[in-house]
Protein backbone atom coordinates (compact mmCIF):
# COMPACT_ATOMS: atom_id res chain seq x y z
CA UNK A 1 0.00 0.00 0.00
CA UNK A 2 1.35 3.40 -0.88
CA UNK A 3 1.86 6.00 1.86
CA UNK A 4 -0.93 8.09 0.37
CA UNK A 5 -3.43 5.21 0.46
CA UNK A 6 -2.35 4.33 3.98
CA UNK A 7 -2.96 7.93 5.11
CA UNK A 8 -6.37 7.90 3.43
CA UNK A 9 -7.31 4.62 5.11
CA UNK A 10 -6.18 5.95 8.51
CA UNK A 11 -8.24 9.13 8.05
CA UNK A 12 -11.35 7.18 7.10
CA UNK A 13 -10.86 4.81 10.03
CA UNK A 14 -10.42 7.70 12.48
CA UNK A 15 -13.62 9.28 11.15
CA UNK A 16 -15.56 6.03 11.59
CA UNK A 17 -14.22 5.59 15.13
CA UNK A 18 -15.14 9.18 15.97
CA UNK A 19 -18.69 8.75 14.71
CA UNK A 20 -19.27 5.31 16.26
CA UNK A 21 -17.92 6.19 19.70
CA UNK A 22 -19.60 9.60 19.80
CA UNK A 23 -22.94 8.15 18.74
CA UNK A 24 -22.73 5.36 21.31
CA UNK A 25 -21.82 7.77 24.09
CA UNK A 26 -24.70 10.12 23.20
CA UNK A 27 -27.26 7.31 22.92
CA UNK A 28 -26.31 5.96 26.33
CA UNK A 29 -25.89 9.30 28.08
CA UNK A 30 -22.28 8.61 29.05
CA UNK A 31 -19.57 11.14 29.72
CA UNK A 32 -16.16 10.57 28.20
CA UNK A 33 -14.94 9.58 31.66
CA UNK A 34 -17.74 7.03 32.12
CA UNK A 35 -17.16 5.47 28.71
CA UNK A 36 -13.43 5.41 29.32
CA UNK A 37 -13.88 3.61 32.64
CA UNK A 38 -16.02 0.97 30.98
CA UNK A 39 -13.48 0.19 28.28
CA UNK A 40 -10.27 0.84 30.16
CA UNK A 41 -9.08 4.19 28.87
CA UNK A 42 -8.91 7.73 30.16
CA UNK A 43 -11.42 10.46 29.38
CA UNK A 44 -8.57 12.28 27.61
CA UNK A 45 -8.08 9.27 25.32
CA UNK A 46 -11.82 9.04 24.54
CA UNK A 47 -11.78 12.77 23.76
CA UNK A 48 -8.77 12.41 21.45
CA UNK A 49 -10.50 9.55 19.58
CA UNK A 50 -13.71 11.54 19.23
CA UNK A 51 -11.79 14.52 17.85
CA UNK A 52 -9.94 12.30 15.39
CA UNK A 53 -6.62 13.24 17.03
CA UNK A 54 -5.64 9.67 17.89
CA UNK A 55 -5.87 6.24 16.33
CA UNK A 56 -7.63 3.51 18.22
CA UNK A 57 -5.53 0.44 18.93
CA UNK A 58 -6.76 -3.11 18.53
CA UNK A 59 -7.27 -3.73 22.25
CA UNK A 60 -9.28 -0.54 22.67
CA UNK A 61 -11.42 -1.35 19.63
CA UNK A 62 -12.18 -4.87 20.88
CA UNK A 63 -13.09 -3.52 24.33
CA UNK A 64 -15.46 -1.00 22.77
CA UNK A 65 -16.99 -3.65 20.49
CA UNK A 66 -17.64 -5.93 23.46
CA UNK A 67 -19.28 -3.11 25.44
CA UNK A 68 -21.39 -1.79 22.57
CA UNK A 69 -22.04 -5.13 20.86
CA UNK A 70 -20.72 -3.57 17.68
CA UNK A 71 -19.28 -6.03 15.17
CA UNK A 72 -15.55 -5.30 14.83
CA UNK A 73 -15.90 -5.47 11.06
CA UNK A 74 -17.61 -2.06 10.85
CA UNK A 75 -14.17 -0.47 10.62
CA UNK A 76 -13.04 -2.70 7.79
CA UNK A 77 -16.22 -3.09 5.80
CA UNK A 78 -14.49 -1.61 2.77
CA UNK A 79 -11.37 -3.78 3.12
CA UNK A 80 -9.52 -4.63 1.01
CA UNK A 81 -9.33 -1.28 -0.78
CA UNK A 82 -10.42 -1.34 -4.37
CA UNK A 83 -7.54 -0.92 -6.73
CA UNK A 84 -7.95 1.11 -9.91
CA UNK A 85 -7.76 -0.97 -13.03
């Protein structure tokens, strides 16, 4: 994968994480601190993920998926990337 495609994939993933986590938190009336406590991260980390300023790691994503009953595949539904012909 080229650096440009990798950057694009990381941006799209960060956007999905931001939307999914923010939506879950709003639907369940949780503060960033409360959500963080439930999945083992700080409120600062939840905030950074929601702002798109950090990338979620695999352990964090699995913890969130278990809590929210979100299938882990929602982040990779468009994987593998389609290559131009």
